Amino acid sequence: MPPGVEVVMGKPREILNARSYRPEITRTITVKGPLGELKLDVPGFVRLEENKEEKTVSLGVEDANVKHQKEMWGTFLLLLVLLLL
């Protein structure tokens, strides 16, 4: 992680989807740095772990055996890397 950058995972919240009657659980990843702040909404199954001693962030999913979660894992990993750059 670059110096002066802070990554925060927000609390889960429900969002109503126009395509379904069930609400979706989402979280917001906020990246704050010296040039500003960026936010990314991610599904509730995405997990973010920050190690402040090593200055690293790891992204994972609840169940890597579920096809949809495995597919989205790489997508959100790339989006997080782009937010950090």
Protein backbone atom coordinates (compact mmCIF):
# COMPACT_ATOMS: atom_id res chain seq x y z
CA MET A 1 0.00 0.00 0.00
CA PRO A 2 1.36 3.45 -0.82
CA PRO A 3 2.32 5.72 2.09
CA GLY A 4 -0.42 8.04 3.32
CA VAL A 5 -3.23 5.83 2.00
CA GLU A 6 -5.96 4.46 4.24
CA VAL A 7 -8.42 1.70 3.26
CA VAL A 8 -11.69 1.30 5.19
CA MET A 9 -14.42 -1.32 4.70
CA GLY A 10 -17.87 0.01 5.61
CA LYS A 11 -20.65 -1.79 7.44
CA PRO A 12 -23.07 -4.00 5.47
CA ARG A 13 -26.26 -2.36 4.24
CA GLU A 14 -29.27 -3.48 2.21
CA ILE A 15 -29.98 -2.01 -1.21
CA LEU A 16 -33.19 -2.70 -3.11
CA ASN A 17 -32.61 -4.03 -6.60
CA ALA A 18 -34.98 -3.13 -9.43
CA ARG A 19 -34.51 -6.60 -11.00
CA SER A 20 -35.36 -8.63 -7.90
CA TYR A 21 -37.69 -8.52 -4.92
CA ARG A 22 -34.86 -9.42 -2.54
CA PRO A 23 -32.56 -6.70 -1.22
CA GLU A 24 -28.83 -7.07 -1.89
CA ILE A 25 -26.28 -6.78 0.91
CA THR A 26 -23.44 -4.43 -0.08
CA ARG A 27 -20.48 -2.73 1.58
CA THR A 28 -18.44 0.28 0.60
CA ILE A 29 -14.65 0.23 0.41
CA THR A 30 -13.27 3.74 0.94
CA VAL A 31 -9.70 4.62 -0.07
CA LYS A 32 -8.43 7.90 1.37
CA GLY A 33 -5.16 9.42 0.27
CA PRO A 34 -3.36 12.73 -0.05
CA LEU A 35 -5.14 13.53 -3.34
CA GLY A 36 -8.67 12.72 -2.23
CA GLU A 37 -11.11 9.92 -1.52
CA LEU A 38 -12.54 7.13 -3.72
CA LYS A 39 -15.40 4.74 -2.91
CA LEU A 40 -16.30 1.33 -4.34
CA ASP A 41 -19.49 -0.61 -3.57
CA VAL A 42 -18.90 -4.36 -3.32
CA PRO A 43 -21.22 -7.31 -2.62
CA GLY A 44 -21.57 -8.52 0.95
CA PHE A 45 -19.58 -11.72 0.30
CA VAL A 46 -16.35 -9.76 -0.37
CA ARG A 47 -13.96 -9.68 2.60
CA LEU A 48 -11.17 -7.15 3.17
CA GLU A 49 -8.34 -7.64 5.64
CA GLU A 50 -5.78 -4.93 6.36
CA ASN A 51 -2.42 -5.59 8.02
CA LYS A 52 -1.18 -2.24 9.32
CA GLU A 53 2.21 -3.59 10.42
CA GLU A 54 3.12 -4.90 6.95
CA LYS A 55 1.06 -2.20 5.20
CA THR A 56 -0.82 -4.73 3.08
CA VAL A 57 -4.46 -5.30 2.17
CA SER A 58 -5.89 -8.68 1.17
CA LEU A 59 -9.21 -9.23 -0.53
CA GLY A 60 -11.18 -12.47 -0.38
CA VAL A 61 -14.65 -13.96 -0.60
CA GLU A 62 -16.79 -15.96 1.82
CA ASP A 63 -16.79 -19.20 -0.22
CA ALA A 64 -14.25 -19.61 -3.03
CA ASN A 65 -16.09 -22.73 -4.27
CA VAL A 66 -19.13 -20.71 -5.38
CA LYS A 67 -18.64 -19.85 -9.07
CA HIS A 68 -20.11 -16.34 -8.93
CA GLN A 69 -17.99 -15.38 -5.90
CA LYS A 70 -14.83 -16.78 -7.49
CA GLU A 71 -15.48 -14.78 -10.68
CA MET A 72 -16.12 -11.55 -8.79
CA TRP A 73 -13.04 -12.04 -6.59
CA GLY A 74 -10.65 -11.20 -9.42
CA THR A 75 -12.80 -8.34 -10.64
CA PHE A 76 -12.92 -6.58 -7.29
CA LEU A 77 -9.24 -7.31 -6.64
CA LEU A 78 -8.34 -5.46 -9.85
CA LEU A 79 -10.71 -2.58 -9.01
CA LEU A 80 -9.13 -2.25 -5.54
CA VAL A 81 -5.63 -2.17 -7.07
CA LEU A 82 -6.75 0.58 -9.43
CA LEU A 83 -8.15 2.59 -6.49
CA LEU A 84 -4.83 2.30 -4.67
CA LEU A 85 -2.72 3.52 -7.60
